[in-house]
Amino acid sequence: MRRLGVPTIPIERQCKAETKQFEPPKYPSVAARANIQGWVVLHFDLDGSGHATSIVVERSSPIGIFDQVAIDALRGAQFVEGAKRTACETLVGFTIR
């Protein structure tokens, strides 16, 4: 099911229980000036050391605008040590407030 074009992530792929800290990404200044909103779905694995690995953009809208800042934010996230999972996904939304 989608709401306003934003995809939903199945609960079994969210890996939220393993998340200790996730700082929202900085809004790209170019996107903010142009009033662009969007989202990025990231696919990743948890390596057991508290970090996400094998991070790839599964899909995004608009394509390419928010991808890198979303990846950078996930790289900086902390997960529960010992948590090893594959095929996790997260949705990172970007809205102007």
C-alpha atoms as a PDB file:
ATOM      1  CA  MET A   1       0.000   0.000   0.000  1.00  0.00           C
ATOM      2  CA  ARG A   2       1.223   3.530  -0.788  1.00  0.00           C
ATOM      3  CA  ARG A   3       0.253   6.850   0.677  1.00  0.00           C
ATOM      4  CA  LEU A   4       0.795   9.914  -1.513  1.00  0.00           C
ATOM      5  CA  GLY A   5       3.363   8.050  -3.597  1.00  0.00           C
ATOM      6  CA  VAL A   6       5.489   7.138  -0.560  1.00  0.00           C
ATOM      7  CA  PRO A   7       6.244   3.407  -0.363  1.00  0.00           C
ATOM      8  CA  THR A   8       5.717   1.361   2.762  1.00  0.00           C
ATOM      9  CA  ILE A   9       8.338  -1.054   4.065  1.00  0.00           C
ATOM     10  CA  PRO A  10       7.150  -4.479   5.274  1.00  0.00           C
ATOM     11  CA  ILE A  11       7.633  -4.766   9.060  1.00  0.00           C
ATOM     12  CA  GLU A  12       9.858  -7.838   8.746  1.00  0.00           C
ATOM     13  CA  ARG A  13      12.372  -5.824   6.682  1.00  0.00           C
ATOM     14  CA  GLN A  14      12.481  -2.650   8.815  1.00  0.00           C
ATOM     15  CA  CYS A  15      15.133  -3.695  11.412  1.00  0.00           C
ATOM     16  CA  LYS A  16      13.796  -1.018  13.786  1.00  0.00           C
ATOM     17  CA  ALA A  17      14.287  -3.155  16.910  1.00  0.00           C
ATOM     18  CA  GLU A  18      18.025  -3.212  16.211  1.00  0.00           C
ATOM     19  CA  THR A  19      18.322   0.582  15.828  1.00  0.00           C
ATOM     20  CA  LYS A  20      20.022   2.425  18.710  1.00  0.00           C
ATOM     21  CA  GLN A  21      20.567   5.848  17.132  1.00  0.00           C
ATOM     22  CA  PHE A  22      19.703   7.410  13.798  1.00  0.00           C
ATOM     23  CA  GLU A  23      20.261  11.100  13.187  1.00  0.00           C
ATOM     24  CA  PRO A  24      18.081  12.467  10.395  1.00  0.00           C
ATOM     25  CA  PRO A  25      20.061  13.548   7.341  1.00  0.00           C
ATOM     26  CA  LYS A  26      20.648  17.199   6.530  1.00  0.00           C
ATOM     27  CA  TYR A  27      18.221  18.559   3.986  1.00  0.00           C
ATOM     28  CA  PRO A  28      20.159  19.352   0.809  1.00  0.00           C
ATOM     29  CA  SER A  29      20.216  23.138   0.399  1.00  0.00           C
ATOM     30  CA  VAL A  30      19.507  22.905  -3.327  1.00  0.00           C
ATOM     31  CA  ALA A  31      16.360  20.876  -2.634  1.00  0.00           C
ATOM     32  CA  ALA A  32      15.249  23.226   0.153  1.00  0.00           C
ATOM     33  CA  ARG A  33      15.644  26.322  -2.042  1.00  0.00           C
ATOM     34  CA  ALA A  34      13.621  24.655  -4.790  1.00  0.00           C
ATOM     35  CA  ASN A  35      10.967  23.380  -2.322  1.00  0.00           C
ATOM     36  CA  ILE A  36      11.644  19.780  -3.347  1.00  0.00           C
ATOM     37  CA  GLN A  37      10.375  17.026  -1.064  1.00  0.00           C
ATOM     38  CA  GLY A  38      10.935  13.314  -1.455  1.00  0.00           C
ATOM     39  CA  TRP A  39      12.045  10.016  -0.009  1.00  0.00           C
ATOM     40  CA  VAL A  40      14.686   7.301  -0.312  1.00  0.00           C
ATOM     41  CA  VAL A  41      14.347   3.584   0.379  1.00  0.00           C
ATOM     42  CA  LEU A  42      17.680   2.089   1.439  1.00  0.00           C
ATOM     43  CA  HIS A  43      18.498  -1.620   1.433  1.00  0.00           C
ATOM     44  CA  PHE A  44      21.230  -2.747   3.851  1.00  0.00           C
ATOM     45  CA  ASP A  45      22.652  -5.470   6.072  1.00  0.00           C
ATOM     46  CA  LEU A  46      23.669  -5.394   9.736  1.00  0.00           C
ATOM     47  CA  ASP A  47      27.144  -6.806  10.353  1.00  0.00           C
ATOM     48  CA  GLY A  48      26.952  -7.494  14.093  1.00  0.00           C
ATOM     49  CA  SER A  49      29.299  -4.651  15.061  1.00  0.00           C
ATOM     50  CA  GLY A  50      26.551  -2.040  15.297  1.00  0.00           C
ATOM     51  CA  HIS A  51      26.865  -0.754  11.736  1.00  0.00           C
ATOM     52  CA  ALA A  52      24.961  -0.967   8.474  1.00  0.00           C
ATOM     53  CA  THR A  53      26.834  -2.454   5.521  1.00  0.00           C
ATOM     54  CA  SER A  54      26.134  -3.049   1.841  1.00  0.00           C
ATOM     55  CA  ILE A  55      23.961   0.075   1.682  1.00  0.00           C
ATOM     56  CA  VAL A  56      22.243   0.629  -1.656  1.00  0.00           C
ATOM     57  CA  VAL A  57      19.415   2.843  -2.823  1.00  0.00           C
ATOM     58  CA  GLU A  58      16.475   0.576  -3.585  1.00  0.00           C
ATOM     59  CA  ARG A  59      14.381   3.426  -5.003  1.00  0.00           C
ATOM     60  CA  SER A  60      13.922   7.149  -4.487  1.00  0.00           C
ATOM     61  CA  SER A  61      11.829  10.105  -5.537  1.00  0.00           C
ATOM     62  CA  PRO A  62      12.928  12.331  -7.052  1.00  0.00           C
ATOM     63  CA  ILE A  63      15.758  10.128  -8.231  1.00  0.00           C
ATOM     64  CA  GLY A  64      19.215  11.221  -7.112  1.00  0.00           C
ATOM     65  CA  ILE A  65      18.271  14.320  -5.102  1.00  0.00           C
ATOM     66  CA  PHE A  66      18.365  12.815  -1.593  1.00  0.00           C
ATOM     67  CA  ASP A  67      20.215   9.545  -2.196  1.00  0.00           C
ATOM     68  CA  GLN A  68      23.684  10.457  -0.911  1.00  0.00           C
ATOM     69  CA  VAL A  69      22.572  12.282   2.241  1.00  0.00           C
ATOM     70  CA  ALA A  70      20.301   9.340   3.114  1.00  0.00           C
ATOM     71  CA  ILE A  71      23.205   6.903   2.639  1.00  0.00           C
ATOM     72  CA  ASP A  72      25.487   9.091   4.756  1.00  0.00           C
ATOM     73  CA  ALA A  73      22.905   9.234   7.565  1.00  0.00           C
ATOM     74  CA  LEU A  74      22.528   5.438   7.573  1.00  0.00           C
ATOM     75  CA  ARG A  75      26.311   5.010   7.627  1.00  0.00           C
ATOM     76  CA  GLY A  76      26.357   7.142  10.780  1.00  0.00           C
ATOM     77  CA  ALA A  77      23.539   5.218  12.487  1.00  0.00           C
ATOM     78  CA  GLN A  78      24.221   2.915  15.399  1.00  0.00           C
ATOM     79  CA  PHE A  79      22.627  -0.484  15.747  1.00  0.00           C
ATOM     80  CA  VAL A  80      22.580  -2.999  18.579  1.00  0.00           C
ATOM     81  CA  GLU A  81      25.905  -4.812  18.713  1.00  0.00           C
ATOM     82  CA  GLY A  82      25.518  -8.471  17.867  1.00  0.00           C
ATOM     83  CA  ALA A  83      22.554  -7.815  15.566  1.00  0.00           C
ATOM     84  CA  LYS A  84      23.253  -9.583  12.287  1.00  0.00           C
ATOM     85  CA  ARG A  85      20.592  -9.342   9.624  1.00  0.00           C
ATOM     86  CA  THR A  86      20.397  -9.205   5.894  1.00  0.00           C
ATOM     87  CA  ALA A  87      17.877  -7.563   3.611  1.00  0.00           C
ATOM     88  CA  CYS A  88      16.885  -4.700   5.910  1.00  0.00           C
ATOM     89  CA  GLU A  89      15.155  -1.669   4.447  1.00  0.00           C
ATOM     90  CA  THR A  90      14.435   1.796   5.726  1.00  0.00           C
ATOM     91  CA  LEU A  91      12.473   4.726   4.360  1.00  0.00           C
ATOM     92  CA  VAL A  92      14.070   8.144   4.792  1.00  0.00           C
ATOM     93  CA  GLY A  93      11.608  10.961   4.156  1.00  0.00           C
ATOM     94  CA  PHE A  94      12.396  14.569   3.284  1.00  0.00           C
ATOM     95  CA  THR A  95       9.676  17.140   3.878  1.00  0.00           C
ATOM     96  CA  ILE A  96       9.899  20.908   4.105  1.00  0.00           C
ATOM     97  CA  ARG A  97       8.517  22.244   7.363  1.00  0.00           C
END
